[in-house]
Amino acid sequence: MTSHAKKLLHEALQLAPAEREALAGKLFDSLETDDPDAEALWQVEIQHRIAELDQSKVEPIPWGEARRLIFGEADDSARD
């Protein structure tokens, strides 16, 4: 994450929960694809992953651990 993005994140985290939620929604919407098949493909992937969990083929991990693996962040249980 760039220093500019970190600064924006820091500022965004100071917002009230409803404002953070609205901002997160707008950011997420900005990532939407124009691919008309994307939603259907995600639904297939979600069902596949649920089946793997149900069949104990994979084991879920806590969000704090996943975040560390993805972003290399220190554990901060308060953000879970």
Protein backbone atom coordinates (compact mmCIF):
# COMPACT_ATOMS: atom_id res chain seq x y z
CA MET A 1 0.00 0.00 0.00
CA THR A 2 1.40 3.40 -0.91
CA SER A 3 1.87 6.11 1.71
CA HIS A 4 -0.99 8.05 0.11
CA ALA A 5 -3.30 5.02 0.40
CA LYS A 6 -2.21 4.47 4.01
CA LYS A 7 -3.02 8.11 4.79
CA LEU A 8 -6.46 7.76 3.19
CA LEU A 9 -7.07 4.56 5.13
CA HIS A 10 -6.05 6.22 8.39
CA GLU A 11 -8.45 9.09 7.70
CA ALA A 12 -11.25 6.73 6.66
CA LEU A 13 -10.88 4.74 9.88
CA GLN A 14 -11.63 7.92 11.83
CA LEU A 15 -15.11 8.12 10.26
CA ALA A 16 -18.26 6.97 12.01
CA PRO A 17 -19.20 3.34 11.29
CA ALA A 18 -22.05 4.31 8.94
CA GLU A 19 -19.73 6.58 6.96
CA ARG A 20 -17.06 3.83 6.75
CA GLU A 21 -19.71 1.40 5.54
CA ALA A 22 -20.91 3.80 2.84
CA LEU A 23 -17.33 4.51 1.76
CA ALA A 24 -16.48 0.82 1.64
CA GLY A 25 -19.56 0.18 -0.49
CA LYS A 26 -18.61 2.92 -2.94
CA LEU A 27 -15.05 1.60 -3.18
CA PHE A 28 -16.31 -1.94 -3.71
CA ASP A 29 -18.76 -0.78 -6.38
CA SER A 30 -15.90 0.96 -8.18
CA LEU A 31 -14.28 -2.45 -8.66
CA GLU A 32 -17.29 -3.97 -10.36
CA THR A 33 -16.65 -5.52 -13.72
CA ASP A 34 -18.61 -5.11 -16.91
CA ASP A 35 -18.41 -8.88 -17.47
CA PRO A 36 -22.04 -10.08 -17.57
CA ASP A 37 -20.93 -13.59 -16.56
CA ALA A 38 -18.93 -12.49 -13.51
CA GLU A 39 -21.76 -12.82 -10.99
CA ALA A 40 -22.71 -16.31 -12.19
CA LEU A 41 -19.06 -17.40 -12.11
CA TRP A 42 -18.68 -16.09 -8.55
CA GLN A 43 -21.79 -18.01 -7.49
CA VAL A 44 -20.29 -21.22 -8.91
CA GLU A 45 -17.00 -20.53 -7.09
CA ILE A 46 -18.82 -19.79 -3.82
CA GLN A 47 -20.78 -23.04 -4.04
CA HIS A 48 -17.56 -24.94 -4.79
CA ARG A 49 -15.84 -23.46 -1.75
CA ILE A 50 -18.84 -24.15 0.51
CA ALA A 51 -18.83 -27.78 -0.67
CA GLU A 52 -15.10 -28.06 0.14
CA LEU A 53 -15.78 -26.74 3.64
CA ASP A 54 -18.76 -29.06 4.12
CA GLN A 55 -16.67 -32.05 3.00
CA SER A 56 -13.76 -31.02 5.26
CA LYS A 57 -11.45 -30.77 2.24
CA VAL A 58 -10.27 -27.38 3.50
CA GLU A 59 -10.15 -25.81 6.95
CA PRO A 60 -11.16 -22.19 7.52
CA ILE A 61 -8.77 -19.85 9.30
CA PRO A 62 -9.62 -16.81 11.44
CA TRP A 63 -9.76 -13.44 9.66
CA GLY A 64 -6.79 -12.13 11.67
CA GLU A 65 -4.60 -14.94 10.38
CA ALA A 66 -5.88 -14.56 6.82
CA ARG A 67 -5.22 -10.82 6.95
CA ARG A 68 -1.63 -11.46 8.08
CA LEU A 69 -1.14 -13.92 5.23
CA ILE A 70 -2.65 -11.57 2.65
CA PHE A 71 -1.33 -8.21 3.81
CA GLY A 72 1.55 -9.10 6.09
CA GLU A 73 -0.09 -7.19 8.94
CA ALA A 74 0.49 -7.75 12.63
CA ASP A 75 -2.32 -9.46 14.51
CA ASP A 76 -4.85 -6.93 15.81
CA SER A 77 -7.87 -8.75 17.18
CA ALA A 78 -9.72 -5.46 17.68
CA ARG A 79 -10.13 -5.20 13.87
CA ASP A 80 -11.78 -8.62 13.51
